[in-house]
Amino acid sequence: MIKYILGFIIALAIVLVAVTIGANNDQVITFNYIFAESQFQLSTLVAILFGLGLILGWFITGFFYLKLKLKNMSLSRQIKRQTLQINELTTTRDKAKAE
């Protein structure tokens, strides 16, 4: 839980620094993208692009984290199954030796 809070605080600090740096840039620039063209203040454009990059980074990180969690759950189930099989085989072998 602490690592999530720490991650949130770090992300919030980065956003605040980006907004503070961007707030000093009041220039209006023309931003061309594939299907249109718009005029933005440089600070607004920096904040938007930074936010999109942050969200994209969180989605990519979350995807790989979820993928690893699912793999870990699968391997844990496999270990439990194999442990049960080993226990069954050893008890069967011990019974055969006792007879």
Protein backbone atom coordinates (compact mmCIF):
# COMPACT_ATOMS: atom_id res chain seq x y z
CA MET A 1 0.00 0.00 0.00
CA ILE A 2 2.86 2.34 0.81
CA LYS A 3 4.42 1.87 -2.63
CA TYR A 4 1.15 2.94 -4.28
CA ILE A 5 0.93 6.06 -2.14
CA LEU A 6 4.59 6.85 -2.82
CA GLY A 7 4.05 6.33 -6.56
CA PHE A 8 1.04 8.63 -6.50
CA ILE A 9 2.99 11.33 -4.65
CA ILE A 10 5.87 11.10 -7.13
CA ALA A 11 3.48 11.28 -10.10
CA LEU A 12 1.70 14.26 -8.55
CA ALA A 13 5.03 16.03 -7.96
CA ILE A 14 6.04 15.47 -11.58
CA VAL A 15 2.72 16.85 -12.81
CA LEU A 16 3.06 19.90 -10.58
CA VAL A 17 6.58 20.56 -11.86
CA ALA A 18 5.40 20.20 -15.47
CA VAL A 19 2.49 22.57 -14.91
CA THR A 20 4.76 25.08 -13.14
CA ILE A 21 7.26 25.04 -15.99
CA GLY A 22 4.47 25.24 -18.55
CA ALA A 23 2.72 28.12 -16.80
CA ASN A 24 5.56 30.48 -17.72
CA ASN A 25 5.12 29.80 -21.44
CA ASP A 26 2.24 31.94 -22.72
CA GLN A 27 3.18 31.75 -26.38
CA VAL A 28 0.45 30.70 -28.80
CA ILE A 29 1.64 28.08 -31.25
CA THR A 30 0.02 26.23 -34.13
CA PHE A 31 -0.14 22.48 -33.58
CA ASN A 32 -0.57 20.40 -36.74
CA TYR A 33 -1.82 16.88 -36.42
CA ILE A 34 -2.97 14.41 -39.05
CA PHE A 35 -6.52 15.61 -39.68
CA ALA A 36 -6.60 19.16 -38.33
CA GLU A 37 -4.68 22.14 -37.05
CA SER A 38 -5.21 24.01 -33.79
CA GLN A 39 -3.68 26.86 -31.90
CA PHE A 40 -2.74 26.29 -28.28
CA GLN A 41 -0.79 28.08 -25.62
CA LEU A 42 2.51 26.32 -25.20
CA SER A 43 1.78 25.64 -21.52
CA THR A 44 -1.53 23.95 -22.39
CA LEU A 45 0.06 21.82 -25.08
CA VAL A 46 2.88 20.76 -22.74
CA ALA A 47 0.38 19.82 -20.03
CA ILE A 48 -1.84 17.85 -22.43
CA LEU A 49 1.04 15.93 -23.99
CA PHE A 50 2.59 15.26 -20.58
CA GLY A 51 -0.72 13.96 -19.25
CA LEU A 52 -1.23 11.71 -22.27
CA GLY A 53 2.28 10.33 -21.88
CA LEU A 54 1.71 9.70 -18.18
CA ILE A 55 -1.58 7.90 -18.82
CA LEU A 56 -0.07 5.84 -21.63
CA GLY A 57 2.84 4.88 -19.38
CA TRP A 58 0.47 3.76 -16.62
CA PHE A 59 -1.56 1.66 -19.08
CA ILE A 60 1.53 -0.05 -20.44
CA THR A 61 2.89 -0.68 -16.95
CA GLY A 62 -0.49 -1.98 -15.79
CA PHE A 63 -0.71 -4.33 -18.77
CA PHE A 64 2.67 -5.91 -18.03
CA TYR A 65 1.92 -6.02 -14.28
CA LEU A 66 -1.36 -7.83 -14.94
CA LYS A 67 0.36 -10.20 -17.34
CA LEU A 68 2.95 -11.09 -14.69
CA LYS A 69 0.27 -11.53 -12.01
CA LEU A 70 -1.65 -13.96 -14.20
CA LYS A 71 1.53 -15.90 -14.96
CA ASN A 72 2.36 -16.01 -11.26
CA MET A 73 -1.11 -17.35 -10.42
CA SER A 74 -0.78 -20.01 -13.11
CA LEU A 75 2.61 -21.12 -11.84
CA SER A 76 1.34 -21.21 -8.24
CA ARG A 77 -1.51 -23.52 -9.27
CA GLN A 78 0.96 -25.71 -11.15
CA ILE A 79 3.19 -25.96 -8.06
CA LYS A 80 0.22 -26.94 -5.88
CA ARG A 81 -0.82 -29.63 -8.38
CA GLN A 82 2.69 -31.02 -8.60
CA THR A 83 3.07 -31.01 -4.82
CA LEU A 84 -0.15 -33.01 -4.47
CA GLN A 85 1.05 -35.47 -7.09
CA ILE A 86 4.39 -35.90 -5.31
CA ASN A 87 2.62 -36.48 -1.99
CA GLU A 88 0.32 -39.08 -3.57
CA LEU A 89 3.26 -40.89 -5.16
CA THR A 90 5.31 -40.94 -1.94
CA THR A 91 2.38 -42.24 0.13
CA THR A 92 1.69 -44.92 -2.49
CA ARG A 93 5.37 -45.92 -2.46
CA ASP A 94 5.46 -46.00 1.36
CA LYS A 95 2.35 -48.19 1.45
CA ALA A 96 3.89 -50.56 -1.10
CA LYS A 97 7.08 -50.86 1.00
CA ALA A 98 5.09 -51.51 4.18
CA GLU A 99 3.29 -54.48 2.63
